[in-house]
Amino acid sequence: MRFPIIGLVAVLGATGLAACNSQQVKAPLDEGVCYHAGEIASGKPLFNVVARDQPQIEFCAARLEEMRLRFLGLGGSKSEVVGAYQGQFIFVDREGVQFGKSLTGQRYFALARTGDGRLAIPGAIQREIDGRPVAVAPN
């Protein structure tokens, strides 16, 4: 009697997880196309093309950063921009750039801000003893 109950719980749990994954938003997979993920009234994201022929995800992040700065320069108040590139999500904010496989999952910190506001690979940033960024390391 004990094994059928455990089996039933396992099947119901797997069904519940499958239902969660089917609701998850997927990033577009188009090769070399950089998207901005905007939100419409229904709550589903709307993917708008920002740039085409982008060779790497970092180039797409730079295009999204340009867009973010333009919006802020025009008086916008939204400091975070979400984009997508070849199946991955890109999150750009005032701290830097993060990549993730989903909108709500874990994020990988990819580019950090230097002391003057530029984006750089985190290992290339020289820091003061208190942790403040000073400059990008010379090549």
C-alpha atoms as a PDB file:
ATOM      1  CA  MET A   1       0.000   0.000   0.000  1.00  0.00           C
ATOM      2  CA  ARG A   2       2.899   2.308   0.729  1.00  0.00           C
ATOM      3  CA  PHE A   3       4.511   2.074  -2.753  1.00  0.00           C
ATOM      4  CA  PRO A   4       1.397   3.087  -4.760  1.00  0.00           C
ATOM      5  CA  ILE A   5       1.033   6.249  -2.635  1.00  0.00           C
ATOM      6  CA  ILE A   6       4.684   7.195  -3.178  1.00  0.00           C
ATOM      7  CA  GLY A   7       4.294   6.522  -6.903  1.00  0.00           C
ATOM      8  CA  LEU A   8       1.170   8.677  -7.050  1.00  0.00           C
ATOM      9  CA  VAL A   9       2.948  11.543  -5.269  1.00  0.00           C
ATOM     10  CA  ALA A  10       5.895  11.280  -7.688  1.00  0.00           C
ATOM     11  CA  VAL A  11       3.620  11.351 -10.749  1.00  0.00           C
ATOM     12  CA  LEU A  12       1.650  14.340  -9.438  1.00  0.00           C
ATOM     13  CA  GLY A  13       4.875  16.185  -8.608  1.00  0.00           C
ATOM     14  CA  ALA A  14       6.301  15.568 -12.081  1.00  0.00           C
ATOM     15  CA  THR A  15       3.052  16.754 -13.665  1.00  0.00           C
ATOM     16  CA  GLY A  16       3.163  19.930 -11.585  1.00  0.00           C
ATOM     17  CA  LEU A  17       6.762  20.642 -12.614  1.00  0.00           C
ATOM     18  CA  ALA A  18       5.925  20.058 -16.269  1.00  0.00           C
ATOM     19  CA  ALA A  19       3.065  22.543 -15.991  1.00  0.00           C
ATOM     20  CA  CYS A  20       5.421  25.157 -14.507  1.00  0.00           C
ATOM     21  CA  ASN A  21       7.933  24.754 -17.327  1.00  0.00           C
ATOM     22  CA  SER A  22       5.272  25.049 -20.035  1.00  0.00           C
ATOM     23  CA  GLN A  23       4.312  28.505 -18.663  1.00  0.00           C
ATOM     24  CA  GLN A  24       7.902  29.789 -18.661  1.00  0.00           C
ATOM     25  CA  VAL A  25       8.810  32.470 -21.216  1.00  0.00           C
ATOM     26  CA  LYS A  26      11.463  31.439 -23.741  1.00  0.00           C
ATOM     27  CA  ALA A  27      13.920  33.844 -25.325  1.00  0.00           C
ATOM     28  CA  PRO A  28      13.952  33.945 -29.145  1.00  0.00           C
ATOM     29  CA  LEU A  29      16.598  31.747 -30.778  1.00  0.00           C
ATOM     30  CA  ASP A  30      17.217  33.809 -33.939  1.00  0.00           C
ATOM     31  CA  GLU A  31      20.932  33.831 -34.719  1.00  0.00           C
ATOM     32  CA  GLY A  32      22.660  37.207 -34.336  1.00  0.00           C
ATOM     33  CA  VAL A  33      19.487  39.146 -33.479  1.00  0.00           C
ATOM     34  CA  CYS A  34      19.377  41.300 -30.344  1.00  0.00           C
ATOM     35  CA  TYR A  35      15.943  41.857 -28.770  1.00  0.00           C
ATOM     36  CA  HIS A  36      14.493  44.170 -26.150  1.00  0.00           C
ATOM     37  CA  ALA A  37      11.888  42.409 -24.001  1.00  0.00           C
ATOM     38  CA  GLY A  38       9.020  44.818 -23.451  1.00  0.00           C
ATOM     39  CA  GLU A  39       5.875  43.986 -21.485  1.00  0.00           C
ATOM     40  CA  ILE A  40       2.360  44.401 -22.810  1.00  0.00           C
ATOM     41  CA  ALA A  41      -0.914  44.622 -20.878  1.00  0.00           C
ATOM     42  CA  SER A  42      -1.529  40.860 -20.874  1.00  0.00           C
ATOM     43  CA  GLY A  43       1.719  40.288 -18.969  1.00  0.00           C
ATOM     44  CA  LYS A  44       3.425  38.404 -21.799  1.00  0.00           C
ATOM     45  CA  PRO A  45       6.704  39.876 -23.056  1.00  0.00           C
ATOM     46  CA  LEU A  46       6.877  41.464 -26.474  1.00  0.00           C
ATOM     47  CA  PHE A  47      10.277  41.042 -28.157  1.00  0.00           C
ATOM     48  CA  ASN A  48      11.363  44.030 -30.273  1.00  0.00           C
ATOM     49  CA  VAL A  49      14.435  43.854 -32.527  1.00  0.00           C
ATOM     50  CA  VAL A  50      17.164  46.243 -31.346  1.00  0.00           C
ATOM     51  CA  ALA A  51      19.983  45.163 -33.694  1.00  0.00           C
ATOM     52  CA  ARG A  52      20.754  42.460 -36.237  1.00  0.00           C
ATOM     53  CA  ASP A  53      24.048  40.763 -37.149  1.00  0.00           C
ATOM     54  CA  GLN A  54      25.423  40.873 -33.603  1.00  0.00           C
ATOM     55  CA  PRO A  55      28.366  38.419 -33.417  1.00  0.00           C
ATOM     56  CA  GLN A  56      28.280  37.852 -29.610  1.00  0.00           C
ATOM     57  CA  ILE A  57      26.001  38.334 -26.634  1.00  0.00           C
ATOM     58  CA  GLU A  58      28.277  41.097 -25.276  1.00  0.00           C
ATOM     59  CA  PHE A  59      27.597  43.192 -28.400  1.00  0.00           C
ATOM     60  CA  CYS A  60      23.870  42.788 -27.797  1.00  0.00           C
ATOM     61  CA  ALA A  61      24.389  43.882 -24.180  1.00  0.00           C
ATOM     62  CA  ALA A  62      26.160  47.014 -25.469  1.00  0.00           C
ATOM     63  CA  ARG A  63      23.206  47.822 -27.768  1.00  0.00           C
ATOM     64  CA  LEU A  64      20.808  47.401 -24.831  1.00  0.00           C
ATOM     65  CA  GLU A  65      23.011  49.667 -22.694  1.00  0.00           C
ATOM     66  CA  GLU A  66      22.867  52.323 -25.436  1.00  0.00           C
ATOM     67  CA  MET A  67      19.085  52.036 -25.445  1.00  0.00           C
ATOM     68  CA  ARG A  68      18.928  52.276 -21.636  1.00  0.00           C
ATOM     69  CA  LEU A  69      21.054  55.428 -21.614  1.00  0.00           C
ATOM     70  CA  ARG A  70      18.978  57.028 -24.379  1.00  0.00           C
ATOM     71  CA  PHE A  71      15.763  56.382 -22.441  1.00  0.00           C
ATOM     72  CA  LEU A  72      17.278  57.840 -19.268  1.00  0.00           C
ATOM     73  CA  GLY A  73      18.517  60.854 -21.259  1.00  0.00           C
ATOM     74  CA  LEU A  74      14.996  61.471 -22.531  1.00  0.00           C
ATOM     75  CA  GLY A  75      13.679  61.605 -18.967  1.00  0.00           C
ATOM     76  CA  GLY A  76      12.765  57.951 -18.487  1.00  0.00           C
ATOM     77  CA  SER A  77      12.865  56.506 -14.996  1.00  0.00           C
ATOM     78  CA  LYS A  78      13.311  52.799 -15.706  1.00  0.00           C
ATOM     79  CA  SER A  79      16.915  51.925 -14.888  1.00  0.00           C
ATOM     80  CA  GLU A  80      16.773  48.221 -15.861  1.00  0.00           C
ATOM     81  CA  VAL A  81      16.471  46.923 -19.420  1.00  0.00           C
ATOM     82  CA  VAL A  82      15.787  43.280 -20.256  1.00  0.00           C
ATOM     83  CA  GLY A  83      16.767  41.829 -23.601  1.00  0.00           C
ATOM     84  CA  ALA A  84      17.356  38.500 -25.305  1.00  0.00           C
ATOM     85  CA  TYR A  85      20.000  36.994 -27.574  1.00  0.00           C
ATOM     86  CA  GLN A  86      19.968  33.481 -29.050  1.00  0.00           C
ATOM     87  CA  GLY A  87      17.928  31.868 -26.275  1.00  0.00           C
ATOM     88  CA  GLN A  88      19.434  33.768 -23.325  1.00  0.00           C
ATOM     89  CA  PHE A  89      18.083  36.738 -21.421  1.00  0.00           C
ATOM     90  CA  ILE A  90      20.207  39.829 -20.806  1.00  0.00           C
ATOM     91  CA  PHE A  91      19.633  42.091 -17.790  1.00  0.00           C
ATOM     92  CA  VAL A  92      21.240  45.560 -17.953  1.00  0.00           C
ATOM     93  CA  ASP A  93      21.062  47.903 -14.961  1.00  0.00           C
ATOM     94  CA  ARG A  94      23.197  50.522 -13.220  1.00  0.00           C
ATOM     95  CA  GLU A  95      25.403  47.831 -11.642  1.00  0.00           C
ATOM     96  CA  GLY A  96      26.279  46.050 -14.886  1.00  0.00           C
ATOM     97  CA  VAL A  97      25.130  43.223 -17.146  1.00  0.00           C
ATOM     98  CA  GLN A  98      23.862  39.775 -16.174  1.00  0.00           C
ATOM     99  CA  PHE A  99      22.885  36.808 -18.356  1.00  0.00           C
ATOM    100  CA  GLY A 100      20.274  34.160 -17.547  1.00  0.00           C
ATOM    101  CA  LYS A 101      18.466  31.241 -19.154  1.00  0.00           C
ATOM    102  CA  SER A 102      15.080  32.451 -17.844  1.00  0.00           C
ATOM    103  CA  LEU A 103      13.456  35.646 -16.602  1.00  0.00           C
ATOM    104  CA  THR A 104      13.153  34.399 -13.028  1.00  0.00           C
ATOM    105  CA  GLY A 105      16.052  31.954 -12.688  1.00  0.00           C
ATOM    106  CA  GLN A 106      19.684  32.389 -11.738  1.00  0.00           C
ATOM    107  CA  ARG A 107      21.727  35.122 -13.371  1.00  0.00           C
ATOM    108  CA  TYR A 108      25.402  35.094 -14.321  1.00  0.00           C
ATOM    109  CA  PHE A 109      27.225  38.386 -13.710  1.00  0.00           C
ATOM    110  CA  ALA A 110      29.017  39.115 -17.004  1.00  0.00           C
ATOM    111  CA  LEU A 111      30.008  42.798 -17.200  1.00  0.00           C
ATOM    112  CA  ALA A 112      30.611  45.224 -14.338  1.00  0.00           C
ATOM    113  CA  ARG A 113      30.726  49.015 -14.253  1.00  0.00           C
ATOM    114  CA  THR A 114      34.100  50.702 -14.011  1.00  0.00           C
ATOM    115  CA  GLY A 115      34.616  53.818 -11.899  1.00  0.00           C
ATOM    116  CA  ASP A 116      33.693  56.030 -14.859  1.00  0.00           C
ATOM    117  CA  GLY A 117      30.549  54.060 -15.769  1.00  0.00           C
ATOM    118  CA  ARG A 118      31.868  51.948 -18.653  1.00  0.00           C
ATOM    119  CA  LEU A 119      31.189  48.211 -18.869  1.00  0.00           C
ATOM    120  CA  ALA A 120      34.099  45.774 -18.525  1.00  0.00           C
ATOM    121  CA  ILE A 121      34.765  42.130 -17.739  1.00  0.00           C
ATOM    122  CA  PRO A 122      34.842  41.900 -13.896  1.00  0.00           C
ATOM    123  CA  GLY A 123      38.377  40.435 -13.750  1.00  0.00           C
ATOM    124  CA  ALA A 124      39.778  43.388 -15.731  1.00  0.00           C
ATOM    125  CA  ILE A 125      38.704  46.011 -13.176  1.00  0.00           C
ATOM    126  CA  GLN A 126      41.336  47.267 -10.753  1.00  0.00           C
ATOM    127  CA  ARG A 127      39.953  48.073  -7.312  1.00  0.00           C
ATOM    128  CA  GLU A 128      40.977  50.135  -4.307  1.00  0.00           C
ATOM    129  CA  ILE A 129      41.563  48.339  -1.004  1.00  0.00           C
ATOM    130  CA  ASP A 130      37.980  49.182   0.061  1.00  0.00           C
ATOM    131  CA  GLY A 131      36.581  47.528  -3.100  1.00  0.00           C
ATOM    132  CA  ARG A 132      35.760  50.649  -5.124  1.00  0.00           C
ATOM    133  CA  PRO A 133      36.521  50.263  -8.857  1.00  0.00           C
ATOM    134  CA  VAL A 134      39.431  52.446 -10.013  1.00  0.00           C
ATOM    135  CA  ALA A 135      40.047  51.661 -13.683  1.00  0.00           C
ATOM    136  CA  VAL A 136      40.216  48.961 -16.300  1.00  0.00           C
ATOM    137  CA  ALA A 137      43.517  47.075 -16.261  1.00  0.00           C
ATOM    138  CA  PRO A 138      45.827  47.933 -19.195  1.00  0.00           C
ATOM    139  CA  ASN A 139      46.309  45.298 -21.915  1.00  0.00           C
END
